[in-house]
C-alpha atoms as a PDB file:
ATOM      1  CA  MET A   1      -1.862  10.658  -2.656  1.00  0.00           C
ATOM      2  CA  LYS A   2      -5.583  10.994  -1.986  1.00  0.00           C
ATOM      3  CA  THR A   3      -8.088  10.234  -4.687  1.00  0.00           C
ATOM      4  CA  VAL A   4     -11.877  10.204  -4.623  1.00  0.00           C
ATOM      5  CA  ILE A   5     -13.298   7.499  -6.861  1.00  0.00           C
ATOM      6  CA  PRO A   6     -16.923   6.552  -7.415  1.00  0.00           C
ATOM      7  CA  LEU A   7     -18.321   3.177  -6.392  1.00  0.00           C
ATOM      8  CA  ALA A   8     -19.163   0.909  -9.305  1.00  0.00           C
ATOM      9  CA  LYS A   9     -22.203  -1.365  -9.361  1.00  0.00           C
ATOM     10  CA  ILE A  10     -21.112  -5.006  -9.568  1.00  0.00           C
ATOM     11  CA  GLY A  11     -24.186  -7.261  -9.571  1.00  0.00           C
ATOM     12  CA  ASN A  12     -26.025  -6.635  -6.303  1.00  0.00           C
ATOM     13  CA  SER A  13     -22.866  -5.195  -4.720  1.00  0.00           C
ATOM     14  CA  GLN A  14     -20.690  -2.161  -5.156  1.00  0.00           C
ATOM     15  CA  GLY A  15     -16.962  -2.041  -5.679  1.00  0.00           C
ATOM     16  CA  ILE A  16     -14.087   0.152  -6.708  1.00  0.00           C
ATOM     17  CA  ARG A  17     -12.146   0.133  -9.947  1.00  0.00           C
ATOM     18  CA  LEU A  18      -8.385   0.510  -9.856  1.00  0.00           C
ATOM     19  CA  SER A  19      -6.577   2.002 -12.796  1.00  0.00           C
ATOM     20  CA  LYS A  20      -4.198  -0.140 -14.803  1.00  0.00           C
ATOM     21  CA  LYS A  21      -1.392   2.214 -13.751  1.00  0.00           C
ATOM     22  CA  LEU A  22      -2.054   1.547 -10.034  1.00  0.00           C
ATOM     23  CA  ILE A  23      -2.354  -2.199 -10.585  1.00  0.00           C
ATOM     24  CA  GLN A  24       1.006  -2.276 -12.359  1.00  0.00           C
ATOM     25  CA  ARG A  25       2.696   0.072  -9.875  1.00  0.00           C
ATOM     26  CA  TYR A  26       1.782  -2.089  -6.873  1.00  0.00           C
ATOM     27  CA  ARG A  27       2.158  -5.407  -8.754  1.00  0.00           C
ATOM     28  CA  ILE A  28      -1.415  -6.488  -8.067  1.00  0.00           C
ATOM     29  CA  GLN A  29      -2.296  -9.706  -9.844  1.00  0.00           C
ATOM     30  CA  ASP A  30      -5.673 -11.350  -9.292  1.00  0.00           C
ATOM     31  CA  LYS A  31      -6.176 -10.712  -5.563  1.00  0.00           C
ATOM     32  CA  ILE A  32      -5.798  -7.880  -3.067  1.00  0.00           C
ATOM     33  CA  GLU A  33      -5.367  -7.830   0.687  1.00  0.00           C
ATOM     34  CA  MET A  34      -7.891  -5.679   2.544  1.00  0.00           C
ATOM     35  CA  GLU A  35      -7.512  -4.549   6.151  1.00  0.00           C
ATOM     36  CA  THR A  36     -10.105  -2.617   8.097  1.00  0.00           C
ATOM     37  CA  THR A  37      -8.879  -0.205  10.763  1.00  0.00           C
ATOM     38  CA  PRO A  38     -10.631   2.333  12.988  1.00  0.00           C
ATOM     39  CA  ASP A  39      -9.440   5.011  10.530  1.00  0.00           C
ATOM     40  CA  GLY A  40     -10.588   3.318   7.320  1.00  0.00           C
ATOM     41  CA  ILE A  41      -9.828   0.556   4.838  1.00  0.00           C
ATOM     42  CA  ILE A  42      -6.326  -0.331   3.623  1.00  0.00           C
ATOM     43  CA  ILE A  43      -5.999  -2.096   0.271  1.00  0.00           C
ATOM     44  CA  ARG A  44      -2.663  -3.571  -0.808  1.00  0.00           C
ATOM     45  CA  ALA A  45      -1.144  -6.319  -2.885  1.00  0.00           C
ATOM     46  CA  PRO A  46      -0.938  -9.566  -0.890  1.00  0.00           C
ATOM     47  CA  ALA A  47       2.324 -10.061   0.977  1.00  0.00           C
ATOM     48  CA  ASP A  48       4.831 -12.367  -0.667  1.00  0.00           C
ATOM     49  CA  THR A  49       4.634 -15.589   1.351  1.00  0.00           C
ATOM     50  CA  ARG A  50       7.544 -17.327  -0.334  1.00  0.00           C
ATOM     51  CA  LEU A  51      10.456 -18.195   1.899  1.00  0.00           C
ATOM     52  CA  SER A  52      13.802 -16.478   1.456  1.00  0.00           C
ATOM     53  CA  TRP A  53      16.831 -18.681   0.766  1.00  0.00           C
ATOM     54  CA  ALA A  54      17.904 -18.353   4.410  1.00  0.00           C
ATOM     55  CA  ALA A  55      14.430 -19.258   5.697  1.00  0.00           C
ATOM     56  CA  THR A  56      14.282 -22.197   3.273  1.00  0.00           C
ATOM     57  CA  TYR A  57      17.642 -23.489   4.550  1.00  0.00           C
ATOM     58  CA  GLU A  58      16.495 -23.129   8.175  1.00  0.00           C
ATOM     59  CA  GLN A  59      13.272 -25.000   7.444  1.00  0.00           C
ATOM     60  CA  MET A  60      15.175 -27.786   5.661  1.00  0.00           C
ATOM     61  CA  ALA A  61      17.594 -28.058   8.620  1.00  0.00           C
ATOM     62  CA  ARG A  62      14.701 -28.300  11.100  1.00  0.00           C
ATOM     63  CA  GLU A  63      13.097 -31.059   9.058  1.00  0.00           C
ATOM     64  CA  GLY A  64      16.393 -32.954   8.781  1.00  0.00           C
ATOM     65  CA  GLU A  65      16.314 -33.181   4.993  1.00  0.00           C
ATOM     66  CA  ASP A  66      19.316 -34.956   3.494  1.00  0.00           C
ATOM     67  CA  PHE A  67      20.502 -33.627   0.159  1.00  0.00           C
ATOM     68  CA  SER A  68      23.742 -35.579  -0.024  1.00  0.00           C
ATOM     69  CA  ASP A  69      22.391 -37.482  -3.051  1.00  0.00           C
ATOM     70  CA  TRP A  70      22.225 -34.164  -4.918  1.00  0.00           C
ATOM     71  CA  GLU A  71      25.944 -33.583  -4.364  1.00  0.00           C
ATOM     72  CA  ALA A  72      26.733 -36.784  -6.231  1.00  0.00           C
ATOM     73  CA  VAL A  73      24.293 -35.963  -9.019  1.00  0.00           C
ATOM     74  CA  ALA A  74      25.654 -32.465  -9.518  1.00  0.00           C
ATOM     75  CA  GLU A  75      28.874 -33.839 -10.993  1.00  0.00           C
ATOM     76  CA  ASP A  76      27.354 -36.682 -13.035  1.00  0.00           C
ATOM     77  CA  GLY A  77      28.340 -36.450 -16.673  1.00  0.00           C
ATOM     78  CA  ILE A  78      31.002 -33.825 -16.136  1.00  0.00           C
ATOM     79  CA  ASP A  79      34.368 -34.832 -17.504  1.00  0.00           C
ATOM     80  CA  TYR A  80      37.331 -33.068 -15.978  1.00  0.00           C
ATOM     81  CA  GLU A  81      40.484 -32.697 -17.995  1.00  0.00           C
ATOM     82  CA  SER A  82      43.569 -33.905 -16.195  1.00  0.00           C
END
């Protein structure tokens, strides 16, 4: 989709205004990522930098974290019927 939008005066600068519909569609919050290329400017929502569960596990394994204490805590207070 191509759209021509006017530049808006913002103080001594100029900027663009994005519609609420576009902001919601691309899940833009309070920041955008801007990339300049030989062909133009690309504007997008910032990439999600959170680690996936697999990446989190790999990072924990590399750092040698020991979560054995959590295994004991997970069953604290749970009464099993015999």
